[in-house]
Amino acid sequence: MSNIKPVIIPKWGLTMEEGTISEWLVDVGTPVTVGMEILNIETDKLTNAVEAADAGVLRRILHGGGETLPVKTLIGILADADTSEAEIDAFIVSWVPPSADEVDE
């Protein structure tokens, strides 16, 4: 499952605890490159674009616009086009959020 990469609510700053997805900028099935803006997140202090940390195809959107979620919540899946739906389902079920000192932006 190493070709499956999570898209999560990033943590911008020490006090950020949650973010609201304002909109996805790409649709499911879109090839994504590293650094590509893929969605916008609003916080109590700012609205910012989330850039893809990994390349792949946006295979799943798990949470849509208007949802407010804790930082590091799994909100989307990037994977190779040939990754099976069963592999993605297994990844989602077994996914554990990063610890507090991992993946901070």
Protein backbone atom coordinates (compact mmCIF):
# COMPACT_ATOMS: atom_id res chain seq x y z
CA MET A 1 0.00 0.00 0.00
CA SER A 2 2.99 2.32 -0.25
CA ASN A 3 1.56 3.94 -3.39
CA ILE A 4 -1.40 5.26 -1.36
CA LYS A 5 -0.87 8.67 0.24
CA PRO A 6 -3.18 10.49 2.67
CA VAL A 7 -4.45 14.04 2.28
CA ILE A 8 -5.03 15.50 5.75
CA ILE A 9 -6.09 18.73 7.39
CA PRO A 10 -2.70 20.42 7.92
CA LYS A 11 -1.65 22.12 11.14
CA TRP A 12 -0.61 25.68 10.43
CA GLY A 13 0.76 27.17 13.64
CA LEU A 14 0.90 26.05 17.24
CA THR A 15 -2.65 26.98 18.16
CA MET A 16 -4.51 25.58 15.15
CA GLU A 17 -6.85 22.79 16.24
CA GLU A 18 -9.27 22.54 13.32
CA GLY A 19 -9.88 23.71 9.79
CA THR A 20 -12.88 24.07 7.51
CA ILE A 21 -12.68 22.74 3.97
CA SER A 22 -13.87 25.64 1.86
CA GLU A 23 -13.50 23.85 -1.47
CA TRP A 24 -11.61 21.15 -3.31
CA LEU A 25 -9.72 22.61 -6.28
CA VAL A 26 -9.37 19.26 -8.08
CA ASP A 27 -11.89 16.51 -8.81
CA VAL A 28 -11.61 12.79 -8.15
CA GLY A 29 -9.61 11.26 -11.01
CA THR A 30 -7.35 14.29 -11.45
CA PRO A 31 -3.60 13.62 -11.64
CA VAL A 32 -1.84 15.63 -8.91
CA THR A 33 1.77 16.74 -8.80
CA VAL A 34 3.83 17.69 -5.74
CA GLY A 35 3.17 21.33 -4.84
CA MET A 36 -0.12 21.51 -6.76
CA GLU A 37 -2.88 23.35 -4.89
CA ILE A 38 -5.63 20.78 -4.27
CA LEU A 39 -8.02 22.38 -1.76
CA ASN A 40 -8.63 25.46 0.35
CA ILE A 41 -8.84 25.34 4.14
CA GLU A 42 -10.20 28.12 6.36
CA THR A 43 -9.15 28.63 9.97
CA ASP A 44 -10.13 31.27 12.48
CA LYS A 45 -7.13 33.29 11.32
CA LEU A 46 -6.69 32.63 7.58
CA THR A 47 -7.75 30.88 4.40
CA ASN A 48 -4.99 29.03 2.61
CA ALA A 49 -4.48 26.53 -0.19
CA VAL A 50 -3.23 23.07 0.67
CA GLU A 51 -0.50 21.88 -1.66
CA ALA A 52 -0.07 18.20 -2.45
CA ALA A 53 2.84 16.70 -0.54
CA ASP A 54 2.84 13.67 -2.86
CA ALA A 55 2.08 12.92 -6.48
CA GLY A 56 -0.70 10.61 -7.62
CA VAL A 57 -4.29 10.61 -8.75
CA LEU A 58 -6.93 12.02 -6.40
CA ARG A 59 -8.85 8.80 -5.87
CA ARG A 60 -11.14 9.71 -3.00
CA ILE A 61 -12.53 12.78 -1.29
CA LEU A 62 -13.64 11.73 2.20
CA HIS A 63 -14.84 15.14 3.41
CA GLY A 64 -16.27 17.95 1.35
CA GLY A 65 -16.70 21.68 1.40
CA GLY A 66 -18.12 23.23 4.54
CA GLU A 67 -16.93 20.50 6.90
CA THR A 68 -14.93 21.60 9.95
CA LEU A 69 -12.52 18.92 11.12
CA PRO A 70 -9.64 18.50 13.58
CA VAL A 71 -6.10 18.90 12.26
CA LYS A 72 -4.62 15.73 10.77
CA THR A 73 -8.04 14.28 9.88
CA LEU A 74 -7.88 12.11 6.76
CA ILE A 75 -9.83 13.98 4.09
CA GLY A 76 -8.63 12.49 0.80
CA ILE A 77 -6.60 9.77 -0.85
CA LEU A 78 -3.91 10.02 -3.53
CA ALA A 79 -2.89 6.79 -5.24
CA ASP A 80 -1.68 5.38 -8.52
CA ALA A 81 -4.39 4.87 -11.13
CA ASP A 82 -3.94 1.10 -10.94
CA THR A 83 -4.42 0.87 -7.16
CA SER A 84 -7.54 -1.18 -6.44
CA GLU A 85 -10.54 0.16 -4.56
CA ALA A 86 -10.06 -2.67 -2.03
CA GLU A 87 -6.51 -1.47 -1.31
CA ILE A 88 -7.79 2.07 -0.77
CA ASP A 89 -10.58 0.80 1.52
CA ALA A 90 -8.03 -1.18 3.57
CA PHE A 91 -5.76 1.88 3.83
CA ILE A 92 -8.64 4.05 5.10
CA VAL A 93 -9.71 1.46 7.69
CA SER A 94 -6.16 1.00 8.99
CA TRP A 95 -5.05 4.64 8.80
CA VAL A 96 -3.80 6.20 12.03
CA PRO A 97 -3.31 9.99 12.25
CA PRO A 98 0.28 11.20 12.61
CA SER A 99 1.47 12.03 16.11
CA ALA A 100 1.59 15.61 17.35
CA ASP A 101 5.18 16.13 16.19
CA GLU A 102 4.70 14.74 12.68
CA VAL A 103 3.52 16.48 9.48
CA ASP A 104 3.16 19.96 10.95
CA GLU A 105 3.27 22.61 8.25
